[in-house]
Amino acid sequence: MVCQCIGILITFSICVFLSAVQARKWNDTGKGAIILEESWAIPDIIATTNNLVLPAGLTLAQLQADLLDIHNQRLAAMDASGIDFMVLSCITPCVQGISDPAAAAALATKINNEMAAAISNNTMRFGGFASLSMHDPAAAAQELNRTVVEFGFLGALLNDYQQSGPDNATLLYYDQPAYDVFWSMAQTLDVPVYLHPRIPIPQITALEYAHSPFLIAAPQEFAVTLSNHIMGITANGVFDRFPRLKFIVGHLGERIPSDLGRIDKKDPRHAHAEKRIRLLEV
């Protein structure tokens, strides 16, 4: 039931996250905001990220300083903006941009260790999403378990597909049965997995976006590429096998909600699509 699965994951994603936060002690003023998808980095990541988009009025040096910071300008901005609690996650593409399995796993462990240490003195204001290498689903499951159990992380954030292969162009998607061990762990831990966009690899840029570079990233490519991955996870039965899995999709569902009717109606595997859509709307 494609429409039903997507509707559930989008409708309840924020509720799922809030329930995880509410299970811990945090700075709940009763009037402030909880924010997530908040980019953070360690120097190792800054050194390898060459696609930073500069916000208006910021220099590259200022942006890099802001990404590395937690307790100074970031916390001051939270106080000024009425933000009670922030969930940090590694800047895109983070570990998903590392094709070597050993290097990716080592970097994920380092990022998680450093994040846990950096926020340990102020968990009332900061939480974390784990970074994971998705080359080895079983190893990713164990690292997720470690970060949740040992560090109190609130789940994981994955920056879309995992690059792999000697040419950096073999793309791993998490909708295949090999990843069931990972999804099983996320369901057992009862924590959400956030699927976040990333800049495309050069081959995709050349094939799909060379004619109009404006479409790269947030204007178009983020939603198109990530929604394909989300649809694959849904259509390939991940939520059928793990019905209690908690999944977060940002940016108003990466445009999937506007296409729910067409998606389900045009899926040849399912009958009575219109009835299911009406039930979902109710």
C-alpha atoms as a PDB file:
ATOM      1  CA  MET A   1       0.000   0.000   0.000  1.00  0.00           C
ATOM      2  CA  VAL A   2       2.293   2.716  -1.318  1.00  0.00           C
ATOM      3  CA  CYS A   3       0.033   5.672  -0.595  1.00  0.00           C
ATOM      4  CA  GLN A   4      -0.763   4.519   2.909  1.00  0.00           C
ATOM      5  CA  CYS A   5       2.885   3.889   3.802  1.00  0.00           C
ATOM      6  CA  ILE A   6       4.066   7.252   2.515  1.00  0.00           C
ATOM      7  CA  GLY A   7       1.200   9.076   4.127  1.00  0.00           C
ATOM      8  CA  ILE A   8       1.960   7.504   7.473  1.00  0.00           C
ATOM      9  CA  LEU A   9       5.687   8.270   7.350  1.00  0.00           C
ATOM     10  CA  ILE A  10       5.104  11.908   6.376  1.00  0.00           C
ATOM     11  CA  THR A  11       2.145  12.587   8.644  1.00  0.00           C
ATOM     12  CA  PHE A  12       3.682  11.150  11.762  1.00  0.00           C
ATOM     13  CA  SER A  13       7.389  11.862  11.275  1.00  0.00           C
ATOM     14  CA  ILE A  14       7.432  14.955  13.496  1.00  0.00           C
ATOM     15  CA  CYS A  15       5.223  13.268  16.115  1.00  0.00           C
ATOM     16  CA  VAL A  16       7.640  10.350  16.151  1.00  0.00           C
ATOM     17  CA  PHE A  17      10.588  12.651  16.740  1.00  0.00           C
ATOM     18  CA  LEU A  18       8.819  14.620  19.454  1.00  0.00           C
ATOM     19  CA  SER A  19       8.016  11.428  21.342  1.00  0.00           C
ATOM     20  CA  ALA A  20      11.718  10.534  21.314  1.00  0.00           C
ATOM     21  CA  VAL A  21      12.705  13.950  22.662  1.00  0.00           C
ATOM     22  CA  GLN A  22       9.983  13.893  25.305  1.00  0.00           C
ATOM     23  CA  ALA A  23      11.371  10.635  26.684  1.00  0.00           C
ATOM     24  CA  ARG A  24      14.451  12.497  27.916  1.00  0.00           C
ATOM     25  CA  LYS A  25      15.126  15.523  30.090  1.00  0.00           C
ATOM     26  CA  TRP A  26      15.569  18.649  27.998  1.00  0.00           C
ATOM     27  CA  ASN A  27      15.119  22.418  28.038  1.00  0.00           C
ATOM     28  CA  ASP A  28      11.339  22.549  27.655  1.00  0.00           C
ATOM     29  CA  THR A  29      10.257  26.148  28.216  1.00  0.00           C
ATOM     30  CA  GLY A  30       6.776  25.425  26.920  1.00  0.00           C
ATOM     31  CA  LYS A  31       7.038  28.099  24.268  1.00  0.00           C
ATOM     32  CA  GLY A  32      10.300  27.487  22.407  1.00  0.00           C
ATOM     33  CA  ALA A  33      10.987  25.397  19.308  1.00  0.00           C
ATOM     34  CA  ILE A  34      12.666  22.054  18.711  1.00  0.00           C
ATOM     35  CA  ILE A  35      14.731  22.072  15.534  1.00  0.00           C
ATOM     36  CA  LEU A  36      16.473  19.311  13.640  1.00  0.00           C
ATOM     37  CA  GLU A  37      18.461  18.862  10.434  1.00  0.00           C
ATOM     38  CA  GLU A  38      20.987  21.291  11.910  1.00  0.00           C
ATOM     39  CA  SER A  39      24.324  20.973  10.144  1.00  0.00           C
ATOM     40  CA  TRP A  40      27.503  20.448  12.133  1.00  0.00           C
ATOM     41  CA  ALA A  41      30.958  19.271  11.117  1.00  0.00           C
ATOM     42  CA  ILE A  42      34.382  18.292  12.343  1.00  0.00           C
ATOM     43  CA  PRO A  43      37.564  19.585  10.636  1.00  0.00           C
ATOM     44  CA  ASP A  44      37.999  16.307   8.735  1.00  0.00           C
ATOM     45  CA  ILE A  45      34.654  16.875   7.019  1.00  0.00           C
ATOM     46  CA  ILE A  46      35.220  20.579   6.367  1.00  0.00           C
ATOM     47  CA  ALA A  47      38.467  19.716   4.580  1.00  0.00           C
ATOM     48  CA  THR A  48      36.709  17.383   2.126  1.00  0.00           C
ATOM     49  CA  THR A  49      33.552  19.429   1.480  1.00  0.00           C
ATOM     50  CA  ASN A  50      33.956  21.555  -1.624  1.00  0.00           C
ATOM     51  CA  ASN A  51      30.318  22.311  -2.376  1.00  0.00           C
ATOM     52  CA  LEU A  52      29.359  24.588   0.495  1.00  0.00           C
ATOM     53  CA  VAL A  53      26.664  27.069  -0.520  1.00  0.00           C
ATOM     54  CA  LEU A  54      27.321  30.390   1.155  1.00  0.00           C
ATOM     55  CA  PRO A  55      24.315  32.075   2.776  1.00  0.00           C
ATOM     56  CA  ALA A  56      23.928  35.732   1.893  1.00  0.00           C
ATOM     57  CA  GLY A  57      26.344  37.915   3.816  1.00  0.00           C
ATOM     58  CA  LEU A  58      28.603  35.087   5.052  1.00  0.00           C
ATOM     59  CA  THR A  59      32.175  34.431   3.996  1.00  0.00           C
ATOM     60  CA  LEU A  60      33.487  30.881   3.612  1.00  0.00           C
ATOM     61  CA  ALA A  61      35.549  31.310   6.785  1.00  0.00           C
ATOM     62  CA  GLN A  62      32.458  32.423   8.741  1.00  0.00           C
ATOM     63  CA  LEU A  63      30.384  29.508   7.467  1.00  0.00           C
ATOM     64  CA  GLN A  64      33.083  27.011   8.363  1.00  0.00           C
ATOM     65  CA  ALA A  65      33.382  28.513  11.847  1.00  0.00           C
ATOM     66  CA  ASP A  66      29.615  28.281  12.308  1.00  0.00           C
ATOM     67  CA  LEU A  67      29.575  24.615  11.231  1.00  0.00           C
ATOM     68  CA  LEU A  68      32.320  23.724  13.706  1.00  0.00           C
ATOM     69  CA  ASP A  69      30.761  25.650  16.581  1.00  0.00           C
ATOM     70  CA  ILE A  70      28.194  24.407  19.097  1.00  0.00           C
ATOM     71  CA  HIS A  71      28.341  26.358  22.346  1.00  0.00           C
ATOM     72  CA  ASN A  72      29.172  29.892  21.198  1.00  0.00           C
ATOM     73  CA  GLN A  73      27.464  31.609  18.248  1.00  0.00           C
ATOM     74  CA  ARG A  74      25.141  28.647  17.674  1.00  0.00           C
ATOM     75  CA  LEU A  75      23.814  28.645  21.232  1.00  0.00           C
ATOM     76  CA  ALA A  76      23.555  32.447  21.232  1.00  0.00           C
ATOM     77  CA  ALA A  77      21.486  32.300  18.039  1.00  0.00           C
ATOM     78  CA  MET A  78      19.233  29.647  19.601  1.00  0.00           C
ATOM     79  CA  ASP A  79      18.584  31.866  22.622  1.00  0.00           C
ATOM     80  CA  ALA A  80      17.875  34.872  20.423  1.00  0.00           C
ATOM     81  CA  SER A  81      15.447  32.879  18.260  1.00  0.00           C
ATOM     82  CA  GLY A  82      13.502  31.107  20.992  1.00  0.00           C
ATOM     83  CA  ILE A  83      14.883  27.641  20.294  1.00  0.00           C
ATOM     84  CA  ASP A  84      14.700  25.245  23.234  1.00  0.00           C
ATOM     85  CA  PHE A  85      16.433  22.205  21.747  1.00  0.00           C
ATOM     86  CA  MET A  86      18.553  21.450  18.677  1.00  0.00           C
ATOM     87  CA  VAL A  87      19.408  18.090  17.127  1.00  0.00           C
ATOM     88  CA  LEU A  88      22.782  18.191  15.390  1.00  0.00           C
ATOM     89  CA  SER A  89      23.710  16.129  12.349  1.00  0.00           C
ATOM     90  CA  CYS A  90      26.680  15.976  10.013  1.00  0.00           C
ATOM     91  CA  ILE A  91      26.709  18.289   7.024  1.00  0.00           C
ATOM     92  CA  THR A  92      25.723  16.650   3.730  1.00  0.00           C
ATOM     93  CA  PRO A  93      27.023  14.404   2.187  1.00  0.00           C
ATOM     94  CA  CYS A  94      29.205  13.486   5.162  1.00  0.00           C
ATOM     95  CA  VAL A  95      29.985   9.753   5.307  1.00  0.00           C
ATOM     96  CA  GLN A  96      27.706   9.033   2.330  1.00  0.00           C
ATOM     97  CA  GLY A  97      30.332  10.723   0.152  1.00  0.00           C
ATOM     98  CA  ILE A  98      33.110   8.312   1.179  1.00  0.00           C
ATOM     99  CA  SER A  99      33.455   5.355  -1.215  1.00  0.00           C
ATOM    100  CA  ASP A 100      36.048   3.387   0.719  1.00  0.00           C
ATOM    101  CA  PRO A 101      34.200   1.195   3.250  1.00  0.00           C
ATOM    102  CA  ALA A 102      36.927   1.188   5.890  1.00  0.00           C
ATOM    103  CA  ALA A 103      37.498   4.941   5.667  1.00  0.00           C
ATOM    104  CA  ALA A 104      33.759   5.616   5.802  1.00  0.00           C
ATOM    105  CA  ALA A 105      33.254   3.427   8.872  1.00  0.00           C
ATOM    106  CA  ALA A 106      36.204   5.000  10.683  1.00  0.00           C
ATOM    107  CA  LEU A 107      35.005   8.515   9.877  1.00  0.00           C
ATOM    108  CA  ALA A 108      31.456   7.745  11.066  1.00  0.00           C
ATOM    109  CA  THR A 109      32.792   6.479  14.385  1.00  0.00           C
ATOM    110  CA  LYS A 110      34.971   9.563  14.796  1.00  0.00           C
ATOM    111  CA  ILE A 111      32.131  11.952  13.999  1.00  0.00           C
ATOM    112  CA  ASN A 112      29.799  10.236  16.449  1.00  0.00           C
ATOM    113  CA  ASN A 113      32.398  10.135  19.212  1.00  0.00           C
ATOM    114  CA  GLU A 114      33.268  13.796  18.767  1.00  0.00           C
ATOM    115  CA  MET A 115      29.636  14.887  18.623  1.00  0.00           C
ATOM    116  CA  ALA A 116      28.820  12.955  21.796  1.00  0.00           C
ATOM    117  CA  ALA A 117      31.782  14.519  23.600  1.00  0.00           C
ATOM    118  CA  ALA A 118      30.961  18.010  22.330  1.00  0.00           C
ATOM    119  CA  ILE A 119      27.349  18.016  23.550  1.00  0.00           C
ATOM    120  CA  SER A 120      27.861  15.988  26.733  1.00  0.00           C
ATOM    121  CA  ASN A 121      28.035  19.115  28.887  1.00  0.00           C
ATOM    122  CA  ASN A 122      24.728  20.508  27.588  1.00  0.00           C
ATOM    123  CA  THR A 123      22.303  17.725  26.656  1.00  0.00           C
ATOM    124  CA  MET A 124      19.483  19.955  27.905  1.00  0.00           C
ATOM    125  CA  ARG A 125      19.909  22.004  24.720  1.00  0.00           C
ATOM    126  CA  PHE A 126      21.529  19.615  22.236  1.00  0.00           C
ATOM    127  CA  GLY A 127      20.909  16.130  20.932  1.00  0.00           C
ATOM    128  CA  GLY A 128      22.429  14.218  18.040  1.00  0.00           C
ATOM    129  CA  PHE A 129      21.617  12.106  15.012  1.00  0.00           C
ATOM    130  CA  ALA A 130      24.229   9.442  14.276  1.00  0.00           C
ATOM    131  CA  SER A 131      26.309   9.465  11.101  1.00  0.00           C
ATOM    132  CA  LEU A 132      26.586   6.009   9.554  1.00  0.00           C
ATOM    133  CA  SER A 133      28.563   4.321   6.824  1.00  0.00           C
ATOM    134  CA  MET A 134      26.023   2.343   4.808  1.00  0.00           C
ATOM    135  CA  HIS A 135      28.511   0.118   2.973  1.00  0.00           C
ATOM    136  CA  ASP A 136      27.890  -2.714   5.420  1.00  0.00           C
ATOM    137  CA  PRO A 137      24.285  -2.832   6.697  1.00  0.00           C
ATOM    138  CA  ALA A 138      25.150  -5.018   9.702  1.00  0.00           C
ATOM    139  CA  ALA A 139      27.978  -2.708  10.761  1.00  0.00           C
ATOM    140  CA  ALA A 140      25.681   0.303  10.313  1.00  0.00           C
ATOM    141  CA  ALA A 141      23.126  -1.387  12.555  1.00  0.00           C
ATOM    142  CA  GLN A 142      25.719  -1.941  15.262  1.00  0.00           C
ATOM    143  CA  GLU A 143      26.972   1.653  15.086  1.00  0.00           C
ATOM    144  CA  LEU A 144      23.403   2.923  15.349  1.00  0.00           C
ATOM    145  CA  ASN A 145      22.902   0.716  18.394  1.00  0.00           C
ATOM    146  CA  ARG A 146      26.147   1.992  19.963  1.00  0.00           C
ATOM    147  CA  THR A 147      25.284   5.650  19.514  1.00  0.00           C
ATOM    148  CA  VAL A 148      21.754   5.276  20.851  1.00  0.00           C
ATOM    149  CA  VAL A 149      22.647   3.087  23.830  1.00  0.00           C
ATOM    150  CA  GLU A 150      25.958   4.690  24.839  1.00  0.00           C
ATOM    151  CA  PHE A 151      25.442   8.315  23.777  1.00  0.00           C
ATOM    152  CA  GLY A 152      21.674   8.754  23.917  1.00  0.00           C
ATOM    153  CA  PHE A 153      21.485   9.816  20.267  1.00  0.00           C
ATOM    154  CA  LEU A 154      17.952  10.293  18.985  1.00  0.00           C
ATOM    155  CA  GLY A 155      18.352   8.284  15.772  1.00  0.00           C
ATOM    156  CA  ALA A 156      20.372   8.617  12.582  1.00  0.00           C
ATOM    157  CA  LEU A 157      20.526  10.968   9.612  1.00  0.00           C
ATOM    158  CA  LEU A 158      21.554   9.501   6.257  1.00  0.00           C
ATOM    159  CA  ASN A 159      22.443  11.795   3.378  1.00  0.00           C
ATOM    160  CA  ASP A 160      20.624   9.850   0.654  1.00  0.00           C
ATOM    161  CA  TYR A 161      22.556   7.127  -1.209  1.00  0.00           C
ATOM    162  CA  GLN A 162      25.983   5.807  -0.222  1.00  0.00           C
ATOM    163  CA  GLN A 163      28.748   6.291  -2.767  1.00  0.00           C
ATOM    164  CA  SER A 164      30.970   3.263  -3.324  1.00  0.00           C
ATOM    165  CA  GLY A 165      33.245   1.611  -5.858  1.00  0.00           C
ATOM    166  CA  PRO A 166      36.651   2.541  -7.298  1.00  0.00           C
ATOM    167  CA  ASP A 167      35.073   5.232  -9.499  1.00  0.00           C
ATOM    168  CA  ASN A 168      32.983   6.665  -6.637  1.00  0.00           C
ATOM    169  CA  ALA A 169      29.919   6.134  -8.818  1.00  0.00           C
ATOM    170  CA  THR A 170      28.402   2.882  -7.553  1.00  0.00           C
ATOM    171  CA  LEU A 171      25.392   4.060  -5.576  1.00  0.00           C
ATOM    172  CA  LEU A 172      23.955   2.023  -2.717  1.00  0.00           C
ATOM    173  CA  TYR A 173      20.256   2.424  -1.941  1.00  0.00           C
ATOM    174  CA  TYR A 174      18.737   1.172   1.290  1.00  0.00           C
ATOM    175  CA  ASP A 175      15.610  -0.356  -0.239  1.00  0.00           C
ATOM    176  CA  GLN A 176      17.266  -3.724  -0.904  1.00  0.00           C
ATOM    177  CA  PRO A 177      16.826  -6.824   1.327  1.00  0.00           C
ATOM    178  CA  ALA A 178      20.475  -6.631   2.407  1.00  0.00           C
ATOM    179  CA  TYR A 179      19.549  -3.574   4.466  1.00  0.00           C
ATOM    180  CA  ASP A 180      16.853  -5.366   6.448  1.00  0.00           C
ATOM    181  CA  VAL A 181      19.317  -5.949   9.274  1.00  0.00           C
ATOM    182  CA  PHE A 182      19.733  -2.186   9.571  1.00  0.00           C
ATOM    183  CA  TRP A 183      16.023  -1.404   9.452  1.00  0.00           C
ATOM    184  CA  SER A 184      15.406  -4.149  11.990  1.00  0.00           C
ATOM    185  CA  MET A 185      17.827  -2.488  14.407  1.00  0.00           C
ATOM    186  CA  ALA A 186      16.190   0.915  13.949  1.00  0.00           C
ATOM    187  CA  GLN A 187      12.798  -0.629  14.670  1.00  0.00           C
ATOM    188  CA  THR A 188      14.106  -2.491  17.728  1.00  0.00           C
ATOM    189  CA  LEU A 189      15.717   0.669  19.137  1.00  0.00           C
ATOM    190  CA  ASP A 190      12.509   2.599  18.396  1.00  0.00           C
ATOM    191  CA  VAL A 191      14.408   5.584  16.970  1.00  0.00           C
ATOM    192  CA  PRO A 192      13.771   7.424  13.699  1.00  0.00           C
ATOM    193  CA  VAL A 193      15.981   7.460  10.628  1.00  0.00           C
ATOM    194  CA  TYR A 194      16.061  10.784   8.814  1.00  0.00           C
ATOM    195  CA  LEU A 195      16.720  10.603   5.057  1.00  0.00           C
ATOM    196  CA  HIS A 196      18.289  13.877   3.923  1.00  0.00           C
ATOM    197  CA  PRO A 197      19.273  15.176   0.446  1.00  0.00           C
ATOM    198  CA  ARG A 198      22.786  15.453  -0.925  1.00  0.00           C
ATOM    199  CA  ILE A 199      24.625  17.064  -3.833  1.00  0.00           C
ATOM    200  CA  PRO A 200      24.675  14.633  -6.796  1.00  0.00           C
ATOM    201  CA  ILE A 201      27.793  12.850  -7.945  1.00  0.00           C
ATOM    202  CA  PRO A 202      29.486  14.436 -11.010  1.00  0.00           C
ATOM    203  CA  GLN A 203      28.126  11.785 -13.382  1.00  0.00           C
ATOM    204  CA  ILE A 204      24.538  12.607 -12.446  1.00  0.00           C
ATOM    205  CA  THR A 205      25.240  16.326 -12.697  1.00  0.00           C
ATOM    206  CA  ALA A 206      26.650  15.900 -16.203  1.00  0.00           C
ATOM    207  CA  LEU A 207      23.747  13.752 -17.428  1.00  0.00           C
ATOM    208  CA  GLU A 208      20.816  15.461 -15.764  1.00  0.00           C
ATOM    209  CA  TYR A 209      21.732  19.037 -14.897  1.00  0.00           C
ATOM    210  CA  ALA A 210      24.457  20.302 -17.243  1.00  0.00           C
ATOM    211  CA  HIS A 211      21.767  21.997 -19.346  1.00  0.00           C
ATOM    212  CA  SER A 212      20.562  24.035 -16.344  1.00  0.00           C
ATOM    213  CA  PRO A 213      22.869  24.137 -13.314  1.00  0.00           C
ATOM    214  CA  PHE A 214      20.265  26.181 -11.439  1.00  0.00           C
ATOM    215  CA  LEU A 215      18.333  22.938 -10.903  1.00  0.00           C
ATOM    216  CA  ILE A 216      21.135  21.370  -8.843  1.00  0.00           C
ATOM    217  CA  ALA A 217      20.549  21.051  -5.110  1.00  0.00           C
ATOM    218  CA  ALA A 218      17.656  22.746  -3.326  1.00  0.00           C
ATOM    219  CA  PRO A 219      15.698  24.242  -6.262  1.00  0.00           C
ATOM    220  CA  GLN A 220      14.972  20.840  -7.835  1.00  0.00           C
ATOM    221  CA  GLU A 221      17.553  18.053  -7.595  1.00  0.00           C
ATOM    222  CA  PHE A 222      17.291  17.470  -3.845  1.00  0.00           C
ATOM    223  CA  ALA A 223      13.592  16.651  -3.958  1.00  0.00           C
ATOM    224  CA  VAL A 224      13.732  14.642  -7.184  1.00  0.00           C
ATOM    225  CA  THR A 225      16.645  12.420  -6.207  1.00  0.00           C
ATOM    226  CA  LEU A 226      15.682  11.846  -2.595  1.00  0.00           C
ATOM    227  CA  SER A 227      12.011  11.209  -3.360  1.00  0.00           C
ATOM    228  CA  ASN A 228      13.091   8.406  -5.713  1.00  0.00           C
ATOM    229  CA  HIS A 229      15.006   6.797  -2.839  1.00  0.00           C
ATOM    230  CA  ILE A 230      12.086   7.215  -0.447  1.00  0.00           C
ATOM    231  CA  MET A 231       9.697   5.722  -2.991  1.00  0.00           C
ATOM    232  CA  GLY A 232      12.046   2.777  -3.464  1.00  0.00           C
ATOM    233  CA  ILE A 233      12.107   2.105   0.275  1.00  0.00           C
ATOM    234  CA  THR A 234       8.316   2.259   0.358  1.00  0.00           C
ATOM    235  CA  ALA A 235       7.522   0.318  -2.812  1.00  0.00           C
ATOM    236  CA  ASN A 236      10.101  -2.395  -2.108  1.00  0.00           C
ATOM    237  CA  GLY A 237       8.354  -3.410   1.085  1.00  0.00           C
ATOM    238  CA  VAL A 238      10.577  -2.062   3.861  1.00  0.00           C
ATOM    239  CA  PHE A 239       7.554  -0.783   5.792  1.00  0.00           C
ATOM    240  CA  ASP A 240       5.705  -4.054   5.204  1.00  0.00           C
ATOM    241  CA  ARG A 241       8.577  -5.963   6.796  1.00  0.00           C
ATOM    242  CA  PHE A 242       9.117  -3.399   9.565  1.00  0.00           C
ATOM    243  CA  PRO A 243       5.731  -1.810  10.288  1.00  0.00           C
ATOM    244  CA  ARG A 244       6.930  -0.026  13.435  1.00  0.00           C
ATOM    245  CA  LEU A 245       9.851   1.631  11.662  1.00  0.00           C
ATOM    246  CA  LYS A 246      10.095   5.366  12.275  1.00  0.00           C
ATOM    247  CA  PHE A 247      11.163   7.483   9.341  1.00  0.00           C
ATOM    248  CA  ILE A 248      11.609  11.236   8.950  1.00  0.00           C
ATOM    249  CA  VAL A 249      11.379  13.036   5.614  1.00  0.00           C
ATOM    250  CA  GLY A 250      12.075  16.757   5.560  1.00  0.00           C
ATOM    251  CA  HIS A 251      11.067  19.625   3.303  1.00  0.00           C
ATOM    252  CA  LEU A 252       7.346  18.833   3.441  1.00  0.00           C
ATOM    253  CA  GLY A 253       7.928  15.284   2.253  1.00  0.00           C
ATOM    254  CA  GLU A 254      10.208  16.114  -0.706  1.00  0.00           C
ATOM    255  CA  ARG A 255       7.102  16.840  -2.842  1.00  0.00           C
ATOM    256  CA  ILE A 256       5.729  13.313  -2.450  1.00  0.00           C
ATOM    257  CA  PRO A 257       2.507  14.447  -0.697  1.00  0.00           C
ATOM    258  CA  SER A 258       1.386  16.410  -3.751  1.00  0.00           C
ATOM    259  CA  ASP A 259       1.745  13.260  -5.888  1.00  0.00           C
ATOM    260  CA  LEU A 260       0.236  10.674  -3.525  1.00  0.00           C
ATOM    261  CA  GLY A 261      -2.913  10.172  -5.568  1.00  0.00           C
ATOM    262  CA  ARG A 262      -1.075   9.674  -8.848  1.00  0.00           C
ATOM    263  CA  ILE A 263       1.586   7.449  -7.263  1.00  0.00           C
ATOM    264  CA  ASP A 264      -0.916   5.002  -5.847  1.00  0.00           C
ATOM    265  CA  LYS A 265      -3.360   5.112  -8.742  1.00  0.00           C
ATOM    266  CA  LYS A 266      -0.639   4.342 -11.289  1.00  0.00           C
ATOM    267  CA  ASP A 267       0.913   1.512  -9.264  1.00  0.00           C
ATOM    268  CA  PRO A 268      -0.191  -1.590 -11.210  1.00  0.00           C
ATOM    269  CA  ARG A 269       0.225  -3.906  -8.218  1.00  0.00           C
ATOM    270  CA  HIS A 270      -2.633  -2.452  -6.228  1.00  0.00           C
ATOM    271  CA  ALA A 271      -6.371  -2.440  -6.790  1.00  0.00           C
ATOM    272  CA  HIS A 272      -8.906  -0.072  -5.239  1.00  0.00           C
ATOM    273  CA  ALA A 273      -6.357   2.732  -4.998  1.00  0.00           C
ATOM    274  CA  GLU A 274      -8.997   5.439  -4.823  1.00  0.00           C
ATOM    275  CA  LYS A 275     -10.608   3.779  -1.818  1.00  0.00           C
ATOM    276  CA  ARG A 276      -7.286   3.687   0.034  1.00  0.00           C
ATOM    277  CA  ILE A 277      -6.642   7.335  -0.761  1.00  0.00           C
ATOM    278  CA  ARG A 278     -10.034   8.316   0.651  1.00  0.00           C
ATOM    279  CA  LEU A 279      -9.374   6.295   3.792  1.00  0.00           C
ATOM    280  CA  LEU A 280      -5.976   7.946   4.199  1.00  0.00           C
ATOM    281  CA  GLU A 281      -7.505  11.403   3.851  1.00  0.00           C
ATOM    282  CA  VAL A 282     -10.070  10.570   6.534  1.00  0.00           C
END
